[in-house]
Amino acid sequence: MMSGDGDTQGNVTPFTAEAAEDVLREACRQAELDPAGAKLLRLGSNAVYRLDHSPVIVRIARDPDALLEMDRAVGVARWLAEHDFPAARVLPGVRQPLVIGGRVVTYWESAQDREEYATVTELGDLLRRLHWLEEPQSLGLPYYDPMAKVTASLGELNGVTDDDRTFLEERAEKLGKEYDRLDFVLPFGMIHGDASIGNILRHRNGQAILSDLDGFTLAPREWDLIQTAIFYDRYGWHDRSQYEGFVHHYGFDVMNWPGYKVLGDIRELMMTLWMGHQGAASERAAEEFVHRVAEIRSGDGRHDWQPM
């Protein structure tokens, strides 16, 4: 059940590490957890903390309007647990999600003692298994509208030149028209929504598990395959043997589908806009955003893109 602390979202402070720490302390107080020694694992779309005195992960969403999304993520996690699906588990016995300091907070069982990712081959296995599941109506999953996400992301993008903004808007409009003409071949249904090597963790028991469950939606299943494909094909972040293992274990190569380039271009644009949103807090991200826009504009290769 969704809960709040009375804060208005219009009064939220910038999403910095210091602001996130303030939210963390209050989140731990309300859940009777000890925040001392908590480690900040990442600061991006979420501030993710691993507590030192208990096996708990606290996630604080950057987006102050993420309450419905996080409530859905908690419901998805509980449903996956009922089906014994290998995924992140919410912390039992804690009221969540909470709104604290205008930010949405969720609590999760810590799956690891140290950060370790599983393999893209295991990602293929988990996605195949996930895509066989038939989601219940009770989850209330929305339909995935990538171009709506792109439009919203462009509207919230700051610190970009007028020239680059015009270029990105025109590219989004062109890709939206091409997307509408795509003929998907995989069944429509539940997807993870952000299926990549960064969201498949190695549990301390050795099992590979899916994490970051807030992107679950209903969409063509090709969306869950596109990131691994372009990470290999465009950026060189996976090698050939890794990608072939992913394809073999999932059972379909999205790169052989005629819509691959369009879907890859849209996902690439979304990744670039995400980088642009990180630029206010990270000089490295700001530089990477400018670099990516320049290479998309010129059509140059992408093998010098840096993951964040």
Protein backbone atom coordinates (compact mmCIF):
# COMPACT_ATOMS: atom_id res chain seq x y z
CA MET A 1 0.00 0.00 0.00
CA MET A 2 1.31 3.45 -0.88
CA SER A 3 2.14 5.75 1.97
CA GLY A 4 3.39 9.30 2.40
CA ASP A 5 4.79 11.62 5.04
CA GLY A 6 2.91 14.73 4.00
CA ASP A 7 5.68 16.30 1.92
CA THR A 8 4.68 18.12 -1.22
CA GLN A 9 6.57 17.13 -4.32
CA GLY A 10 6.89 20.73 -5.43
CA ASN A 11 9.31 21.41 -2.55
CA VAL A 12 11.84 18.65 -3.24
CA THR A 13 15.51 19.59 -3.23
CA PRO A 14 17.95 18.72 -6.05
CA PHE A 15 18.83 15.03 -6.15
CA THR A 16 22.37 15.07 -4.78
CA ALA A 17 24.21 12.54 -2.63
CA GLU A 18 23.78 14.85 0.37
CA ALA A 19 20.02 15.18 -0.17
CA ALA A 20 19.69 11.42 -0.63
CA GLU A 21 21.53 10.82 2.65
CA ASP A 22 18.99 12.99 4.47
CA VAL A 23 16.16 10.90 3.02
CA LEU A 24 18.02 7.69 3.88
CA ARG A 25 18.34 8.62 7.54
CA GLU A 26 14.63 9.35 7.85
CA ALA A 27 13.73 6.22 5.86
CA CYS A 28 15.79 4.11 8.23
CA ARG A 29 14.27 5.79 11.27
CA GLN A 30 10.76 5.02 10.06
CA ALA A 31 11.64 1.38 9.34
CA GLU A 32 13.65 1.00 12.57
CA LEU A 33 16.88 0.36 10.65
CA ASP A 34 20.39 1.65 11.35
CA PRO A 35 21.78 3.91 8.58
CA ALA A 36 25.29 4.13 10.08
CA GLY A 37 27.92 3.03 7.58
CA ALA A 38 25.45 2.68 4.68
CA LYS A 39 27.22 2.49 1.32
CA LEU A 40 25.95 4.43 -1.70
CA LEU A 41 26.11 1.91 -4.55
CA ARG A 42 24.88 4.23 -7.29
CA LEU A 43 23.29 7.61 -7.83
CA GLY A 44 21.32 7.74 -11.07
CA SER A 45 17.62 7.20 -11.60
CA ASN A 46 17.73 5.97 -8.00
CA ALA A 47 20.04 6.43 -5.07
CA VAL A 48 20.77 2.86 -4.01
CA TYR A 49 22.18 2.20 -0.53
CA ARG A 50 23.35 -1.03 1.08
CA LEU A 51 23.00 -0.87 4.86
CA ASP A 52 25.94 -1.96 6.96
CA HIS A 53 24.14 -3.39 9.99
CA SER A 54 21.41 -5.40 8.25
CA PRO A 55 21.03 -7.13 4.86
CA VAL A 56 18.87 -4.36 3.39
CA ILE A 57 18.94 -2.22 0.26
CA VAL A 58 17.21 1.17 0.37
CA ARG A 59 16.26 2.69 -2.99
CA ILE A 60 15.36 6.36 -3.28
CA ALA A 61 13.83 7.39 -6.59
CA ARG A 62 15.12 10.52 -8.33
CA ASP A 63 11.69 11.20 -9.86
CA PRO A 64 9.41 12.73 -7.19
CA ASP A 65 6.42 11.52 -9.22
CA ALA A 66 7.47 7.86 -9.03
CA LEU A 67 5.03 6.76 -6.33
CA LEU A 68 2.69 4.77 -8.60
CA GLU A 69 5.65 3.24 -10.42
CA MET A 70 7.34 2.16 -7.19
CA ASP A 71 4.10 0.81 -5.80
CA ARG A 72 3.80 -1.29 -8.94
CA ALA A 73 7.42 -2.47 -8.55
CA VAL A 74 6.68 -3.67 -5.02
CA GLY A 75 3.61 -5.54 -6.32
CA VAL A 76 5.63 -7.09 -9.15
CA ALA A 77 8.33 -8.23 -6.72
CA ARG A 78 5.79 -9.90 -4.44
CA TRP A 79 4.11 -11.59 -7.43
CA LEU A 80 7.45 -12.88 -8.76
CA ALA A 81 8.25 -14.24 -5.29
CA GLU A 82 4.94 -16.13 -5.29
CA HIS A 83 6.05 -17.74 -8.57
CA ASP A 84 9.53 -18.48 -7.19
CA PHE A 85 11.06 -16.39 -9.98
CA PRO A 86 14.68 -15.35 -9.35
CA ALA A 87 14.38 -11.61 -8.73
CA ALA A 88 14.94 -8.94 -6.12
CA ARG A 89 12.74 -9.36 -3.05
CA VAL A 90 11.09 -6.57 -1.10
CA LEU A 91 11.84 -6.38 2.60
CA PRO A 92 8.94 -8.01 4.48
CA GLY A 93 7.20 -6.38 7.40
CA VAL A 94 7.90 -2.83 6.25
CA ARG A 95 5.24 -0.37 5.06
CA GLN A 96 6.20 0.72 1.55
CA PRO A 97 6.64 2.56 -0.67
CA LEU A 98 7.00 5.69 1.42
CA VAL A 99 7.30 9.33 0.40
CA ILE A 100 10.01 11.00 2.47
CA GLY A 101 11.30 14.47 1.76
CA GLY A 102 9.36 14.41 -1.49
CA ARG A 103 11.21 11.27 -2.64
CA VAL A 104 9.82 7.77 -3.03
CA VAL A 105 11.56 5.13 -0.92
CA THR A 106 11.45 1.33 -1.15
CA TYR A 107 13.19 -1.33 0.95
CA TRP A 108 14.65 -4.55 -0.45
CA GLU A 109 16.43 -7.61 0.81
CA SER A 110 20.14 -7.35 0.09
CA ALA A 111 21.08 -10.17 -2.29
CA GLN A 112 24.82 -9.59 -2.15
CA ASP A 113 27.68 -8.90 0.22
CA ARG A 114 29.57 -7.23 -2.64
CA GLU A 115 28.41 -5.97 -6.01
CA GLU A 116 28.67 -8.69 -8.66
CA TYR A 117 26.79 -9.07 -11.93
CA ALA A 118 25.69 -12.31 -13.53
CA THR A 119 26.22 -13.07 -17.23
CA VAL A 120 24.34 -12.13 -20.39
CA THR A 121 23.80 -15.85 -20.99
CA GLU A 122 21.92 -16.05 -17.69
CA LEU A 123 20.04 -12.91 -18.67
CA GLY A 124 18.83 -14.77 -21.76
CA ASP A 125 17.62 -17.64 -19.59
CA LEU A 126 15.76 -15.36 -17.18
CA LEU A 127 14.11 -13.34 -19.95
CA ARG A 128 12.92 -16.48 -21.70
CA ARG A 129 11.43 -17.72 -18.42
CA LEU A 130 9.92 -14.30 -17.64
CA HIS A 131 8.31 -14.02 -21.07
CA TRP A 132 6.59 -17.38 -20.58
CA LEU A 133 4.79 -16.07 -17.50
CA GLU A 134 1.28 -14.70 -17.91
CA GLU A 135 0.86 -11.67 -15.70
CA PRO A 136 -2.29 -11.37 -13.58
CA GLN A 137 -4.64 -8.44 -14.05
CA SER A 138 -4.01 -7.49 -10.43
CA LEU A 139 -0.59 -6.09 -11.29
CA GLY A 140 -2.16 -3.31 -13.34
CA LEU A 141 0.80 -3.10 -15.70
CA PRO A 142 0.63 -0.19 -18.14
CA TYR A 143 1.31 -0.37 -21.86
CA TYR A 144 4.81 0.70 -22.83
CA ASP A 145 4.90 3.88 -24.91
CA PRO A 146 8.57 4.58 -25.72
CA MET A 147 7.95 7.75 -27.66
CA ALA A 148 5.94 9.25 -24.81
CA LYS A 149 8.94 8.57 -22.55
CA VAL A 150 11.25 10.20 -25.09
CA THR A 151 9.00 13.28 -25.35
CA ALA A 152 8.82 13.64 -21.58
CA SER A 153 12.58 13.20 -21.25
CA LEU A 154 13.24 15.86 -23.87
CA GLY A 155 10.88 18.26 -22.13
CA GLU A 156 12.74 17.88 -18.83
CA LEU A 157 16.23 18.11 -20.35
CA ASN A 158 18.26 21.11 -19.16
CA GLY A 159 21.68 22.43 -20.06
CA VAL A 160 21.45 21.52 -23.74
CA THR A 161 22.13 23.93 -26.61
CA ASP A 162 19.21 25.04 -28.77
CA ASP A 163 20.86 23.40 -31.77
CA ASP A 164 21.21 20.04 -30.03
CA ARG A 165 17.68 20.22 -28.66
CA THR A 166 16.29 20.85 -32.14
CA PHE A 167 18.31 17.95 -33.52
CA LEU A 168 17.11 15.58 -30.78
CA GLU A 169 13.48 16.65 -31.19
CA GLU A 170 13.61 16.14 -34.95
CA ARG A 171 15.26 12.75 -34.52
CA ALA A 172 12.59 11.72 -32.00
CA GLU A 173 9.83 12.75 -34.40
CA LYS A 174 11.41 10.76 -37.25
CA LEU A 175 11.92 7.66 -35.08
CA GLY A 176 8.36 7.89 -33.78
CA LYS A 177 7.01 7.65 -37.31
CA GLU A 178 9.29 4.70 -38.08
CA TYR A 179 8.30 2.97 -34.83
CA ASP A 180 4.63 3.17 -35.76
CA ARG A 181 5.38 1.18 -38.92
CA LEU A 182 7.26 -1.66 -37.20
CA ASP A 183 5.97 -5.22 -37.50
CA PHE A 184 6.89 -7.02 -34.28
CA VAL A 185 7.26 -10.79 -34.46
CA LEU A 186 7.55 -11.83 -30.80
CA PRO A 187 4.41 -12.13 -28.65
CA PHE A 188 3.13 -9.04 -26.89
CA GLY A 189 3.19 -9.28 -23.11
CA MET A 190 5.03 -8.56 -19.89
CA ILE A 191 8.58 -7.21 -20.15
CA HIS A 192 11.21 -6.16 -17.64
CA GLY A 193 11.65 -2.89 -19.50
CA ASP A 194 15.33 -2.29 -18.75
CA ALA A 195 16.84 -5.72 -19.36
CA SER A 196 20.61 -5.38 -19.48
CA ILE A 197 23.72 -6.73 -17.79
CA GLY A 198 23.44 -3.94 -15.21
CA ASN A 199 20.14 -5.33 -13.91
CA ILE A 200 21.08 -8.99 -13.44
CA LEU A 201 22.87 -9.62 -10.17
CA ARG A 202 24.70 -12.58 -8.70
CA HIS A 203 22.93 -13.54 -5.49
CA ARG A 204 25.15 -14.58 -2.61
CA ASN A 205 23.79 -18.12 -3.11
CA GLY A 206 25.23 -18.11 -6.64
CA GLN A 207 21.91 -17.67 -8.45
CA ALA A 208 21.37 -15.00 -11.12
CA ILE A 209 18.45 -12.67 -10.29
CA LEU A 210 16.68 -9.78 -12.01
CA SER A 211 16.76 -6.43 -10.23
CA ASP A 212 15.25 -2.96 -10.81
CA LEU A 213 11.67 -4.11 -11.29
CA ASP A 214 10.05 -0.69 -11.69
CA GLY A 215 10.09 -0.85 -15.51
CA PHE A 216 7.71 -3.83 -15.81
CA THR A 217 5.14 -3.04 -18.52
CA LEU A 218 3.20 -4.68 -21.36
CA ALA A 219 4.99 -4.41 -24.70
CA PRO A 220 6.50 -6.33 -27.62
CA ARG A 221 9.14 -8.66 -26.17
CA GLU A 222 11.77 -7.29 -28.58
CA TRP A 223 12.21 -4.43 -26.11
CA ASP A 224 13.82 -6.78 -23.58
CA LEU A 225 16.37 -7.96 -26.15
CA ILE A 226 17.45 -4.72 -27.77
CA GLN A 227 19.89 -3.45 -25.13
CA THR A 228 22.04 -6.57 -25.10
CA ALA A 229 22.11 -6.48 -28.91
CA ILE A 230 23.25 -2.87 -29.22
CA PHE A 231 25.66 -3.23 -26.29
CA TYR A 232 27.38 -5.86 -28.46
CA ASP A 233 26.78 -4.55 -31.97
CA ARG A 234 27.20 -0.79 -31.49
CA TYR A 235 29.25 -0.21 -28.37
CA GLY A 236 31.41 -3.31 -27.97
CA TRP A 237 30.43 -3.71 -24.32
CA HIS A 238 29.79 -7.44 -24.93
CA ASP A 239 31.90 -9.67 -27.12
CA ARG A 240 30.64 -12.01 -29.83
CA SER A 241 30.67 -15.15 -27.70
CA GLN A 242 28.68 -13.43 -24.95
CA TYR A 243 26.05 -12.23 -27.39
CA GLU A 244 25.81 -15.62 -29.09
CA GLY A 245 25.29 -17.20 -25.67
CA PHE A 246 22.50 -14.73 -24.95
CA VAL A 247 20.79 -15.52 -28.27
CA HIS A 248 21.16 -19.27 -27.79
CA HIS A 249 19.68 -19.22 -24.30
CA TYR A 250 16.80 -16.90 -25.17
CA GLY A 251 16.04 -18.51 -28.51
CA PHE A 252 15.75 -15.47 -30.80
CA ASP A 253 18.23 -13.03 -32.35
CA VAL A 254 16.66 -9.57 -32.49
CA MET A 255 19.47 -8.44 -34.82
CA ASN A 256 17.96 -10.62 -37.58
CA TRP A 257 14.61 -8.84 -37.26
CA PRO A 258 13.99 -6.05 -39.86
CA GLY A 259 12.98 -3.57 -37.15
CA TYR A 260 16.26 -3.95 -35.25
CA LYS A 261 17.85 -0.67 -36.38
CA VAL A 262 14.80 1.46 -35.56
CA LEU A 263 14.36 -0.10 -32.13
CA GLY A 264 18.10 0.23 -31.50
CA ASP A 265 18.03 3.90 -32.51
CA ILE A 266 15.13 4.60 -30.13
CA ARG A 267 16.79 2.82 -27.21
CA GLU A 268 20.03 4.64 -27.99
CA LEU A 269 18.21 7.98 -27.94
CA MET A 270 16.64 7.10 -24.59
CA MET A 271 20.06 6.16 -23.19
CA THR A 272 21.53 9.45 -24.43
CA LEU A 273 18.73 11.53 -22.93
CA TRP A 274 19.16 9.68 -19.62
CA MET A 275 22.83 10.65 -19.71
CA GLY A 276 21.84 14.26 -20.32
CA HIS A 277 19.70 14.22 -17.17
CA GLN A 278 22.70 13.10 -15.11
CA GLY A 279 24.81 16.00 -16.34
CA ALA A 280 23.73 18.45 -13.63
CA ALA A 281 25.32 16.25 -10.95
CA SER A 282 28.18 14.72 -12.96
CA GLU A 283 30.70 16.49 -15.18
CA ARG A 284 31.61 13.13 -16.70
CA ALA A 285 27.98 12.47 -17.64
CA ALA A 286 27.63 15.96 -19.13
CA GLU A 287 30.70 15.40 -21.32
CA GLU A 288 29.49 11.95 -22.36
CA PHE A 289 26.09 13.37 -23.32
CA VAL A 290 27.67 15.98 -25.61
CA HIS A 291 29.91 13.31 -27.13
CA ARG A 292 27.00 10.96 -27.79
CA VAL A 293 24.86 13.63 -29.41
CA ALA A 294 27.76 14.60 -31.69
CA GLU A 295 28.28 10.99 -32.80
CA ILE A 296 24.57 10.36 -33.38
CA ARG A 297 24.48 13.55 -35.45
CA SER A 298 27.57 12.64 -37.50
CA GLY A 299 26.73 8.96 -37.87
CA ASP A 300 30.18 7.98 -36.56
CA GLY A 301 30.77 4.66 -34.83
CA ARG A 302 29.82 4.25 -31.19
CA HIS A 303 32.64 2.05 -29.86
CA ASP A 304 34.09 4.86 -27.74
CA TRP A 305 30.83 5.40 -25.82
CA GLN A 306 31.34 4.97 -22.08
CA PRO A 307 28.78 3.20 -19.86
CA MET A 308 27.85 4.95 -16.62
